């Protein structure tokens, strides 16, 4: 009895130490037999949303992918480590949604959503001379027989997220004409920020921990891109579209294409592969396909993602 109690206490202590530090979602549309070593992915387009905010669109190509392990885990066509979405992840309940539209709307296929937590503790299991180790937990999967568009939703708890002030702003249910005018002005203000000495752009980049602003300054790629003729186009107010999400977040997009559609021919004038890559990364972060904004309690609009 005493040994069993000690073992239970040790197990509880070990579990208490394992904190969830990320949540991953994988999606694959496929044909074939998952009892075999490979299946074929289905061509189409996948759209990913977090808490109703569109975060990515990804083309899925037809190709063979492996099926692994005893639980028949399929290599993902779309992989979302949600911690990489930064401030869009909230403490408490979040909902990630994936919508997939196949290229052939009439063809039958299967679709698989897989998910797992990532913990800060490695767990080891041994059987005879072999063993495995993993930091994954909370694993699961759902498979659907599909034809045409398919939608998956998965709720998860984002206690690993950093709580930001805008997470507590009031939800926005609708936008007035005045709101839309202010948001159009905000879109223009960001476009106009692409000018020497680029301090506003460096501030935007500096808010992303993964971006090495000092290296971008050293290369001088923003300055070189501007000198080569690269400019940030300002979309007309009539081109803009706005979407509420049921939270404080409001999404600003353009009715056709990216919010800030760069001229690729002009961008090609930027000399040097390193400079082009540097400028491309910096500008894609400062000028994403859409802006996510929130309204402060005193009525100001600010970009939050």
C-alpha atoms as a PDB file:
ATOM      1  CA  UNK A   1       0.000   0.000   0.000  1.00  0.00           C
ATOM      2  CA  UNK A   2       2.814   2.338   0.939  1.00  0.00           C
ATOM      3  CA  UNK A   3       4.660   1.626  -2.325  1.00  0.00           C
ATOM      4  CA  UNK A   4       1.512   2.236  -4.341  1.00  0.00           C
ATOM      5  CA  UNK A   5       0.958   5.553  -2.556  1.00  0.00           C
ATOM      6  CA  UNK A   6       4.542   6.656  -3.204  1.00  0.00           C
ATOM      7  CA  UNK A   7       4.205   5.693  -6.883  1.00  0.00           C
ATOM      8  CA  UNK A   8       0.983   7.696  -7.153  1.00  0.00           C
ATOM      9  CA  UNK A   9       2.572  10.722  -5.495  1.00  0.00           C
ATOM     10  CA  UNK A  10       5.541  10.472  -7.852  1.00  0.00           C
ATOM     11  CA  UNK A  11       3.199  10.294 -10.848  1.00  0.00           C
ATOM     12  CA  UNK A  12       1.204  13.313  -9.656  1.00  0.00           C
ATOM     13  CA  UNK A  13       4.404  15.256  -9.035  1.00  0.00           C
ATOM     14  CA  UNK A  14       5.705  14.389 -12.513  1.00  0.00           C
ATOM     15  CA  UNK A  15       2.406  15.428 -14.138  1.00  0.00           C
ATOM     16  CA  UNK A  16       2.320  18.699 -12.219  1.00  0.00           C
ATOM     17  CA  UNK A  17       5.773  19.560 -13.544  1.00  0.00           C
ATOM     18  CA  UNK A  18       4.785  19.031 -17.194  1.00  0.00           C
ATOM     19  CA  UNK A  19       3.470  22.368 -18.453  1.00  0.00           C
ATOM     20  CA  UNK A  20       1.873  22.799 -21.885  1.00  0.00           C
ATOM     21  CA  UNK A  21       3.989  25.240 -23.896  1.00  0.00           C
ATOM     22  CA  UNK A  22       2.357  24.923 -27.331  1.00  0.00           C
ATOM     23  CA  UNK A  23      -0.528  23.320 -29.217  1.00  0.00           C
ATOM     24  CA  UNK A  24      -0.131  21.866 -32.717  1.00  0.00           C
ATOM     25  CA  UNK A  25      -2.759  21.060 -35.330  1.00  0.00           C
ATOM     26  CA  UNK A  26      -2.114  19.053 -38.506  1.00  0.00           C
ATOM     27  CA  UNK A  27      -4.505  18.651 -41.424  1.00  0.00           C
ATOM     28  CA  UNK A  28      -4.345  16.348 -44.443  1.00  0.00           C
ATOM     29  CA  UNK A  29      -6.921  15.632 -47.184  1.00  0.00           C
ATOM     30  CA  UNK A  30      -6.097  12.254 -48.715  1.00  0.00           C
ATOM     31  CA  UNK A  31      -7.045   9.199 -50.742  1.00  0.00           C
ATOM     32  CA  UNK A  32      -5.746   5.696 -50.218  1.00  0.00           C
ATOM     33  CA  UNK A  33      -5.546   3.109 -47.447  1.00  0.00           C
ATOM     34  CA  UNK A  34      -4.102   4.336 -44.123  1.00  0.00           C
ATOM     35  CA  UNK A  35      -3.252   0.729 -43.275  1.00  0.00           C
ATOM     36  CA  UNK A  36      -0.484   1.027 -45.882  1.00  0.00           C
ATOM     37  CA  UNK A  37       2.747   3.009 -45.626  1.00  0.00           C
ATOM     38  CA  UNK A  38       1.620   5.893 -47.866  1.00  0.00           C
ATOM     39  CA  UNK A  39      -1.496   7.811 -48.932  1.00  0.00           C
ATOM     40  CA  UNK A  40      -1.965  10.533 -51.549  1.00  0.00           C
ATOM     41  CA  UNK A  41      -2.877  14.078 -50.618  1.00  0.00           C
ATOM     42  CA  UNK A  42      -5.751  15.809 -52.434  1.00  0.00           C
ATOM     43  CA  UNK A  43      -5.087  19.014 -54.355  1.00  0.00           C
ATOM     44  CA  UNK A  44      -6.926  22.136 -53.238  1.00  0.00           C
ATOM     45  CA  UNK A  45      -6.719  25.184 -50.993  1.00  0.00           C
ATOM     46  CA  UNK A  46      -6.767  25.214 -47.191  1.00  0.00           C
ATOM     47  CA  UNK A  47      -7.712  28.303 -45.162  1.00  0.00           C
ATOM     48  CA  UNK A  48      -6.802  28.562 -41.479  1.00  0.00           C
ATOM     49  CA  UNK A  49      -8.628  30.703 -38.898  1.00  0.00           C
ATOM     50  CA  UNK A  50      -7.904  31.317 -35.226  1.00  0.00           C
ATOM     51  CA  UNK A  51     -10.814  32.714 -33.220  1.00  0.00           C
ATOM     52  CA  UNK A  52     -12.453  33.662 -36.556  1.00  0.00           C
ATOM     53  CA  UNK A  53      -9.377  35.637 -37.670  1.00  0.00           C
ATOM     54  CA  UNK A  54      -7.997  34.407 -41.037  1.00  0.00           C
ATOM     55  CA  UNK A  55      -4.318  33.663 -40.560  1.00  0.00           C
ATOM     56  CA  UNK A  56      -3.202  31.676 -43.611  1.00  0.00           C
ATOM     57  CA  UNK A  57      -4.151  30.278 -46.990  1.00  0.00           C
ATOM     58  CA  UNK A  58      -2.173  27.343 -48.302  1.00  0.00           C
ATOM     59  CA  UNK A  59      -2.259  25.443 -51.572  1.00  0.00           C
ATOM     60  CA  UNK A  60      -2.206  21.669 -51.128  1.00  0.00           C
ATOM     61  CA  UNK A  61      -0.622  19.650 -53.943  1.00  0.00           C
ATOM     62  CA  UNK A  62      -1.308  16.036 -54.856  1.00  0.00           C
ATOM     63  CA  UNK A  63       1.592  13.866 -53.696  1.00  0.00           C
ATOM     64  CA  UNK A  64       2.426  10.758 -51.684  1.00  0.00           C
ATOM     65  CA  UNK A  65       2.969  11.215 -47.935  1.00  0.00           C
ATOM     66  CA  UNK A  66       3.933   8.631 -45.298  1.00  0.00           C
ATOM     67  CA  UNK A  67       1.635   7.047 -42.708  1.00  0.00           C
ATOM     68  CA  UNK A  68       3.533   6.479 -39.476  1.00  0.00           C
ATOM     69  CA  UNK A  69       3.377   4.707 -36.124  1.00  0.00           C
ATOM     70  CA  UNK A  70       0.805   2.347 -34.676  1.00  0.00           C
ATOM     71  CA  UNK A  71      -1.870   5.079 -34.571  1.00  0.00           C
ATOM     72  CA  UNK A  72      -1.520   5.576 -38.370  1.00  0.00           C
ATOM     73  CA  UNK A  73      -0.493   9.226 -38.144  1.00  0.00           C
ATOM     74  CA  UNK A  74      -0.470  10.934 -41.550  1.00  0.00           C
ATOM     75  CA  UNK A  75       2.245  13.423 -42.471  1.00  0.00           C
ATOM     76  CA  UNK A  76       0.529  16.836 -42.488  1.00  0.00           C
ATOM     77  CA  UNK A  77      -0.299  18.874 -45.563  1.00  0.00           C
ATOM     78  CA  UNK A  78      -0.984  21.832 -43.248  1.00  0.00           C
ATOM     79  CA  UNK A  79       0.787  22.232 -39.900  1.00  0.00           C
ATOM     80  CA  UNK A  80      -0.112  24.977 -37.408  1.00  0.00           C
ATOM     81  CA  UNK A  81       1.982  25.409 -34.240  1.00  0.00           C
ATOM     82  CA  UNK A  82      -0.377  27.916 -32.660  1.00  0.00           C
ATOM     83  CA  UNK A  83       2.179  29.586 -30.392  1.00  0.00           C
ATOM     84  CA  UNK A  84       3.748  31.024 -33.553  1.00  0.00           C
ATOM     85  CA  UNK A  85       0.568  33.108 -33.978  1.00  0.00           C
ATOM     86  CA  UNK A  86       1.637  35.317 -31.089  1.00  0.00           C
ATOM     87  CA  UNK A  87      -0.941  37.730 -29.721  1.00  0.00           C
ATOM     88  CA  UNK A  88      -3.827  36.129 -31.601  1.00  0.00           C
ATOM     89  CA  UNK A  89      -3.685  33.252 -29.092  1.00  0.00           C
ATOM     90  CA  UNK A  90      -5.564  34.062 -25.891  1.00  0.00           C
ATOM     91  CA  UNK A  91      -5.338  32.624 -22.427  1.00  0.00           C
ATOM     92  CA  UNK A  92      -8.290  30.310 -21.896  1.00  0.00           C
ATOM     93  CA  UNK A  93     -10.405  28.863 -24.696  1.00  0.00           C
ATOM     94  CA  UNK A  94      -9.424  29.322 -28.351  1.00  0.00           C
ATOM     95  CA  UNK A  95     -10.878  27.833 -31.527  1.00  0.00           C
ATOM     96  CA  UNK A  96      -8.813  26.917 -34.573  1.00  0.00           C
ATOM     97  CA  UNK A  97     -10.716  26.245 -37.805  1.00  0.00           C
ATOM     98  CA  UNK A  98      -9.478  24.773 -41.071  1.00  0.00           C
ATOM     99  CA  UNK A  99     -11.564  24.968 -44.246  1.00  0.00           C
ATOM    100  CA  UNK A 100     -10.466  22.979 -47.276  1.00  0.00           C
ATOM    101  CA  UNK A 101     -11.821  23.293 -50.824  1.00  0.00           C
ATOM    102  CA  UNK A 102     -10.595  20.543 -53.193  1.00  0.00           C
ATOM    103  CA  UNK A 103      -9.721  21.329 -56.798  1.00  0.00           C
ATOM    104  CA  UNK A 104     -12.177  18.626 -57.901  1.00  0.00           C
ATOM    105  CA  UNK A 105     -15.463  19.349 -56.124  1.00  0.00           C
ATOM    106  CA  UNK A 106     -16.989  16.028 -57.207  1.00  0.00           C
ATOM    107  CA  UNK A 107     -14.250  13.632 -56.112  1.00  0.00           C
ATOM    108  CA  UNK A 108     -14.622  11.629 -52.890  1.00  0.00           C
ATOM    109  CA  UNK A 109     -11.736  11.713 -50.402  1.00  0.00           C
ATOM    110  CA  UNK A 110     -10.994  11.517 -46.698  1.00  0.00           C
ATOM    111  CA  UNK A 111      -9.712  14.316 -44.492  1.00  0.00           C
ATOM    112  CA  UNK A 112      -7.826  14.034 -41.222  1.00  0.00           C
ATOM    113  CA  UNK A 113      -7.326  16.520 -38.397  1.00  0.00           C
ATOM    114  CA  UNK A 114      -4.663  15.588 -35.862  1.00  0.00           C
ATOM    115  CA  UNK A 115      -3.647  17.550 -32.779  1.00  0.00           C
ATOM    116  CA  UNK A 116      -1.310  17.395 -29.815  1.00  0.00           C
ATOM    117  CA  UNK A 117      -0.055  19.462 -26.924  1.00  0.00           C
ATOM    118  CA  UNK A 118       3.655  20.197 -26.589  1.00  0.00           C
ATOM    119  CA  UNK A 119       4.934  20.037 -23.006  1.00  0.00           C
ATOM    120  CA  UNK A 120       8.143  21.152 -21.369  1.00  0.00           C
ATOM    121  CA  UNK A 121       8.865  17.623 -20.146  1.00  0.00           C
ATOM    122  CA  UNK A 122      10.221  14.602 -22.030  1.00  0.00           C
ATOM    123  CA  UNK A 123       8.396  11.338 -21.258  1.00  0.00           C
ATOM    124  CA  UNK A 124      10.184   8.048 -21.887  1.00  0.00           C
ATOM    125  CA  UNK A 125       8.702   4.588 -22.381  1.00  0.00           C
ATOM    126  CA  UNK A 126      10.767   1.409 -22.608  1.00  0.00           C
ATOM    127  CA  UNK A 127       9.857  -2.083 -23.697  1.00  0.00           C
ATOM    128  CA  UNK A 128      12.695  -4.575 -23.535  1.00  0.00           C
ATOM    129  CA  UNK A 129      15.680  -3.144 -25.374  1.00  0.00           C
ATOM    130  CA  UNK A 130      13.732  -0.507 -27.251  1.00  0.00           C
ATOM    131  CA  UNK A 131      12.240   2.749 -26.053  1.00  0.00           C
ATOM    132  CA  UNK A 132      10.652   5.998 -27.131  1.00  0.00           C
ATOM    133  CA  UNK A 133      10.691   9.547 -25.814  1.00  0.00           C
ATOM    134  CA  UNK A 134       8.341  12.424 -26.531  1.00  0.00           C
ATOM    135  CA  UNK A 135       7.280  15.814 -25.231  1.00  0.00           C
ATOM    136  CA  UNK A 136       3.836  15.451 -26.830  1.00  0.00           C
ATOM    137  CA  UNK A 137       0.623  14.976 -24.885  1.00  0.00           C
ATOM    138  CA  UNK A 138      -3.112  15.491 -25.274  1.00  0.00           C
ATOM    139  CA  UNK A 139      -3.042  13.800 -28.677  1.00  0.00           C
ATOM    140  CA  UNK A 140      -6.094  13.089 -30.796  1.00  0.00           C
ATOM    141  CA  UNK A 141      -7.427  12.859 -34.334  1.00  0.00           C
ATOM    142  CA  UNK A 142     -10.637  13.058 -36.338  1.00  0.00           C
ATOM    143  CA  UNK A 143     -11.199  11.606 -39.808  1.00  0.00           C
ATOM    144  CA  UNK A 144     -14.093  12.473 -42.133  1.00  0.00           C
ATOM    145  CA  UNK A 145     -15.404  11.001 -45.372  1.00  0.00           C
ATOM    146  CA  UNK A 146     -15.502  14.071 -47.603  1.00  0.00           C
ATOM    147  CA  UNK A 147     -16.675  15.449 -50.914  1.00  0.00           C
ATOM    148  CA  UNK A 148     -16.403  19.134 -51.776  1.00  0.00           C
ATOM    149  CA  UNK A 149     -15.616  21.624 -49.023  1.00  0.00           C
ATOM    150  CA  UNK A 150     -14.798  20.266 -45.570  1.00  0.00           C
ATOM    151  CA  UNK A 151     -14.518  22.189 -42.285  1.00  0.00           C
ATOM    152  CA  UNK A 152     -12.797  21.153 -39.048  1.00  0.00           C
ATOM    153  CA  UNK A 153     -12.836  23.047 -35.747  1.00  0.00           C
ATOM    154  CA  UNK A 154     -10.715  22.294 -32.706  1.00  0.00           C
ATOM    155  CA  UNK A 155     -10.897  24.042 -29.352  1.00  0.00           C
ATOM    156  CA  UNK A 156      -7.823  24.268 -27.146  1.00  0.00           C
ATOM    157  CA  UNK A 157      -6.782  26.053 -23.978  1.00  0.00           C
ATOM    158  CA  UNK A 158      -4.041  28.628 -24.534  1.00  0.00           C
ATOM    159  CA  UNK A 159      -2.703  29.004 -21.019  1.00  0.00           C
ATOM    160  CA  UNK A 160       0.795  29.292 -22.539  1.00  0.00           C
ATOM    161  CA  UNK A 161      -0.270  32.517 -24.307  1.00  0.00           C
ATOM    162  CA  UNK A 162       0.854  35.971 -23.244  1.00  0.00           C
ATOM    163  CA  UNK A 163      -2.079  38.094 -22.147  1.00  0.00           C
ATOM    164  CA  UNK A 164      -2.124  41.431 -23.976  1.00  0.00           C
ATOM    165  CA  UNK A 165      -4.125  44.586 -23.157  1.00  0.00           C
ATOM    166  CA  UNK A 166      -6.302  44.316 -26.300  1.00  0.00           C
ATOM    167  CA  UNK A 167      -7.523  40.878 -25.257  1.00  0.00           C
ATOM    168  CA  UNK A 168      -9.674  42.681 -22.678  1.00  0.00           C
ATOM    169  CA  UNK A 169     -11.002  45.364 -25.020  1.00  0.00           C
ATOM    170  CA  UNK A 170     -14.783  45.290 -25.645  1.00  0.00           C
ATOM    171  CA  UNK A 171     -15.990  43.054 -28.470  1.00  0.00           C
ATOM    172  CA  UNK A 172     -16.878  44.816 -31.731  1.00  0.00           C
ATOM    173  CA  UNK A 173     -20.194  43.682 -33.210  1.00  0.00           C
ATOM    174  CA  UNK A 174     -20.469  46.227 -36.040  1.00  0.00           C
ATOM    175  CA  UNK A 175     -18.625  49.144 -37.621  1.00  0.00           C
ATOM    176  CA  UNK A 176     -19.976  52.645 -38.160  1.00  0.00           C
ATOM    177  CA  UNK A 177     -19.089  54.798 -41.168  1.00  0.00           C
ATOM    178  CA  UNK A 178     -16.803  56.783 -38.869  1.00  0.00           C
ATOM    179  CA  UNK A 179     -15.021  53.575 -37.829  1.00  0.00           C
ATOM    180  CA  UNK A 180     -14.492  52.609 -41.464  1.00  0.00           C
ATOM    181  CA  UNK A 181     -13.072  56.053 -42.289  1.00  0.00           C
ATOM    182  CA  UNK A 182     -10.654  55.809 -39.376  1.00  0.00           C
ATOM    183  CA  UNK A 183      -9.587  52.307 -40.424  1.00  0.00           C
ATOM    184  CA  UNK A 184      -9.005  53.456 -44.009  1.00  0.00           C
ATOM    185  CA  UNK A 185      -6.835  56.270 -42.616  1.00  0.00           C
ATOM    186  CA  UNK A 186      -4.920  53.726 -40.508  1.00  0.00           C
ATOM    187  CA  UNK A 187      -4.258  51.596 -43.619  1.00  0.00           C
ATOM    188  CA  UNK A 188      -2.926  54.671 -45.442  1.00  0.00           C
ATOM    189  CA  UNK A 189      -0.823  55.740 -42.467  1.00  0.00           C
ATOM    190  CA  UNK A 190       0.962  52.387 -42.426  1.00  0.00           C
ATOM    191  CA  UNK A 191       1.611  52.538 -46.182  1.00  0.00           C
ATOM    192  CA  UNK A 192       3.018  56.060 -45.840  1.00  0.00           C
ATOM    193  CA  UNK A 193       5.433  54.822 -43.143  1.00  0.00           C
ATOM    194  CA  UNK A 194       7.609  53.229 -45.826  1.00  0.00           C
ATOM    195  CA  UNK A 195       9.958  56.171 -46.233  1.00  0.00           C
ATOM    196  CA  UNK A 196      13.428  57.099 -45.003  1.00  0.00           C
ATOM    197  CA  UNK A 197      14.421  56.730 -42.146  1.00  0.00           C
ATOM    198  CA  UNK A 198      11.928  53.843 -41.762  1.00  0.00           C
ATOM    199  CA  UNK A 199      11.732  54.207 -37.968  1.00  0.00           C
ATOM    200  CA  UNK A 200       8.053  53.212 -37.862  1.00  0.00           C
ATOM    201  CA  UNK A 201       8.822  50.088 -39.880  1.00  0.00           C
ATOM    202  CA  UNK A 202      11.709  49.211 -37.555  1.00  0.00           C
ATOM    203  CA  UNK A 203       9.365  49.624 -34.579  1.00  0.00           C
ATOM    204  CA  UNK A 204       6.855  47.249 -36.187  1.00  0.00           C
ATOM    205  CA  UNK A 205       9.586  44.699 -36.867  1.00  0.00           C
ATOM    206  CA  UNK A 206      10.955  45.142 -33.346  1.00  0.00           C
ATOM    207  CA  UNK A 207       7.636  43.999 -31.896  1.00  0.00           C
ATOM    208  CA  UNK A 208       8.321  40.537 -33.358  1.00  0.00           C
ATOM    209  CA  UNK A 209      10.801  38.709 -31.090  1.00  0.00           C
ATOM    210  CA  UNK A 210      11.890  36.384 -33.903  1.00  0.00           C
ATOM    211  CA  UNK A 211      13.021  39.263 -36.158  1.00  0.00           C
ATOM    212  CA  UNK A 212      16.641  40.441 -35.946  1.00  0.00           C
ATOM    213  CA  UNK A 213      16.161  44.157 -36.482  1.00  0.00           C
ATOM    214  CA  UNK A 214      19.862  44.910 -35.989  1.00  0.00           C
ATOM    215  CA  UNK A 215      20.721  42.608 -38.901  1.00  0.00           C
ATOM    216  CA  UNK A 216      18.086  44.249 -41.124  1.00  0.00           C
ATOM    217  CA  UNK A 217      19.540  47.658 -40.285  1.00  0.00           C
ATOM    218  CA  UNK A 218      23.040  46.373 -41.007  1.00  0.00           C
ATOM    219  CA  UNK A 219      22.074  45.052 -44.449  1.00  0.00           C
ATOM    220  CA  UNK A 220      20.134  48.246 -45.157  1.00  0.00           C
ATOM    221  CA  UNK A 221      17.629  46.355 -47.280  1.00  0.00           C
ATOM    222  CA  UNK A 222      14.730  48.729 -46.626  1.00  0.00           C
ATOM    223  CA  UNK A 223      16.810  51.668 -47.785  1.00  0.00           C
ATOM    224  CA  UNK A 224      18.051  49.769 -50.843  1.00  0.00           C
ATOM    225  CA  UNK A 225      14.554  48.605 -51.768  1.00  0.00           C
ATOM    226  CA  UNK A 226      13.236  52.165 -51.538  1.00  0.00           C
ATOM    227  CA  UNK A 227      16.156  53.441 -53.641  1.00  0.00           C
ATOM    228  CA  UNK A 228      15.328  50.791 -56.272  1.00  0.00           C
ATOM    229  CA  UNK A 229      11.822  52.216 -56.573  1.00  0.00           C
ATOM    230  CA  UNK A 230       9.818  49.882 -54.302  1.00  0.00           C
ATOM    231  CA  UNK A 231       6.757  51.636 -52.886  1.00  0.00           C
ATOM    232  CA  UNK A 232       3.824  50.512 -50.739  1.00  0.00           C
ATOM    233  CA  UNK A 233       0.549  51.048 -52.622  1.00  0.00           C
ATOM    234  CA  UNK A 234      -2.363  52.578 -50.737  1.00  0.00           C
ATOM    235  CA  UNK A 235      -5.623  50.733 -51.496  1.00  0.00           C
ATOM    236  CA  UNK A 236      -8.627  52.950 -52.141  1.00  0.00           C
ATOM    237  CA  UNK A 237     -11.230  53.066 -49.386  1.00  0.00           C
ATOM    238  CA  UNK A 238     -13.728  51.433 -51.757  1.00  0.00           C
ATOM    239  CA  UNK A 239     -11.373  48.427 -52.139  1.00  0.00           C
ATOM    240  CA  UNK A 240     -11.317  47.681 -48.415  1.00  0.00           C
ATOM    241  CA  UNK A 241     -13.433  45.111 -46.623  1.00  0.00           C
ATOM    242  CA  UNK A 242     -13.879  44.703 -42.885  1.00  0.00           C
ATOM    243  CA  UNK A 243     -14.807  41.630 -40.857  1.00  0.00           C
ATOM    244  CA  UNK A 244     -15.745  41.418 -37.187  1.00  0.00           C
ATOM    245  CA  UNK A 245     -14.856  38.226 -35.319  1.00  0.00           C
ATOM    246  CA  UNK A 246     -17.066  38.166 -32.225  1.00  0.00           C
ATOM    247  CA  UNK A 247     -14.155  39.548 -30.182  1.00  0.00           C
ATOM    248  CA  UNK A 248     -12.271  42.852 -30.044  1.00  0.00           C
ATOM    249  CA  UNK A 249     -10.383  41.874 -33.209  1.00  0.00           C
ATOM    250  CA  UNK A 250     -11.466  43.343 -36.553  1.00  0.00           C
ATOM    251  CA  UNK A 251      -9.857  42.190 -39.804  1.00  0.00           C
ATOM    252  CA  UNK A 252      -9.076  44.686 -42.579  1.00  0.00           C
ATOM    253  CA  UNK A 253      -8.592  43.147 -45.996  1.00  0.00           C
ATOM    254  CA  UNK A 254      -8.796  44.046 -49.650  1.00  0.00           C
ATOM    255  CA  UNK A 255     -11.637  42.741 -51.788  1.00  0.00           C
ATOM    256  CA  UNK A 256      -9.193  41.259 -54.279  1.00  0.00           C
ATOM    257  CA  UNK A 257      -5.735  40.075 -53.239  1.00  0.00           C
ATOM    258  CA  UNK A 258      -3.376  41.325 -50.560  1.00  0.00           C
ATOM    259  CA  UNK A 259      -4.095  44.513 -48.659  1.00  0.00           C
ATOM    260  CA  UNK A 260      -0.805  46.018 -49.903  1.00  0.00           C
ATOM    261  CA  UNK A 261      -0.128  44.531 -53.378  1.00  0.00           C
ATOM    262  CA  UNK A 262       3.542  45.148 -54.207  1.00  0.00           C
ATOM    263  CA  UNK A 263       4.696  45.480 -57.815  1.00  0.00           C
ATOM    264  CA  UNK A 264       6.887  42.402 -58.328  1.00  0.00           C
ATOM    265  CA  UNK A 265       8.580  43.919 -61.384  1.00  0.00           C
ATOM    266  CA  UNK A 266       9.767  46.868 -59.319  1.00  0.00           C
ATOM    267  CA  UNK A 267      10.853  44.571 -56.494  1.00  0.00           C
ATOM    268  CA  UNK A 268      12.990  42.614 -58.973  1.00  0.00           C
ATOM    269  CA  UNK A 269      15.164  45.738 -59.397  1.00  0.00           C
ATOM    270  CA  UNK A 270      16.519  45.283 -55.861  1.00  0.00           C
ATOM    271  CA  UNK A 271      20.059  44.007 -56.380  1.00  0.00           C
ATOM    272  CA  UNK A 272      21.569  41.117 -54.463  1.00  0.00           C
ATOM    273  CA  UNK A 273      19.909  37.894 -53.304  1.00  0.00           C
ATOM    274  CA  UNK A 274      20.556  38.638 -49.619  1.00  0.00           C
ATOM    275  CA  UNK A 275      19.134  42.159 -49.929  1.00  0.00           C
ATOM    276  CA  UNK A 276      16.064  40.913 -51.821  1.00  0.00           C
ATOM    277  CA  UNK A 277      15.393  38.214 -49.227  1.00  0.00           C
ATOM    278  CA  UNK A 278      15.888  40.628 -46.338  1.00  0.00           C
ATOM    279  CA  UNK A 279      13.566  43.222 -47.866  1.00  0.00           C
ATOM    280  CA  UNK A 280      10.990  40.587 -48.784  1.00  0.00           C
ATOM    281  CA  UNK A 281      10.813  39.220 -45.237  1.00  0.00           C
ATOM    282  CA  UNK A 282      10.737  42.665 -43.620  1.00  0.00           C
ATOM    283  CA  UNK A 283       8.038  44.031 -45.912  1.00  0.00           C
ATOM    284  CA  UNK A 284       5.860  40.903 -45.699  1.00  0.00           C
ATOM    285  CA  UNK A 285       5.816  41.304 -41.900  1.00  0.00           C
ATOM    286  CA  UNK A 286       5.216  45.048 -41.914  1.00  0.00           C
ATOM    287  CA  UNK A 287       2.625  44.738 -44.712  1.00  0.00           C
ATOM    288  CA  UNK A 288       0.782  41.407 -44.289  1.00  0.00           C
ATOM    289  CA  UNK A 289      -2.136  40.224 -46.481  1.00  0.00           C
ATOM    290  CA  UNK A 290      -4.540  41.638 -43.869  1.00  0.00           C
ATOM    291  CA  UNK A 291      -4.328  43.804 -40.778  1.00  0.00           C
ATOM    292  CA  UNK A 292      -5.907  42.781 -37.495  1.00  0.00           C
ATOM    293  CA  UNK A 293      -6.942  45.800 -35.437  1.00  0.00           C
ATOM    294  CA  UNK A 294      -8.747  46.465 -32.156  1.00  0.00           C
ATOM    295  CA  UNK A 295     -10.562  49.465 -30.720  1.00  0.00           C
ATOM    296  CA  UNK A 296      -9.311  50.800 -27.400  1.00  0.00           C
ATOM    297  CA  UNK A 297     -11.847  51.661 -24.681  1.00  0.00           C
ATOM    298  CA  UNK A 298     -11.286  55.372 -25.453  1.00  0.00           C
ATOM    299  CA  UNK A 299     -12.199  54.858 -29.137  1.00  0.00           C
ATOM    300  CA  UNK A 300      -8.788  54.693 -30.853  1.00  0.00           C
ATOM    301  CA  UNK A 301      -7.974  51.969 -33.389  1.00  0.00           C
ATOM    302  CA  UNK A 302      -4.629  50.159 -33.188  1.00  0.00           C
ATOM    303  CA  UNK A 303      -2.989  47.358 -35.183  1.00  0.00           C
ATOM    304  CA  UNK A 304      -2.598  44.256 -33.022  1.00  0.00           C
ATOM    305  CA  UNK A 305      -1.379  41.696 -35.603  1.00  0.00           C
END
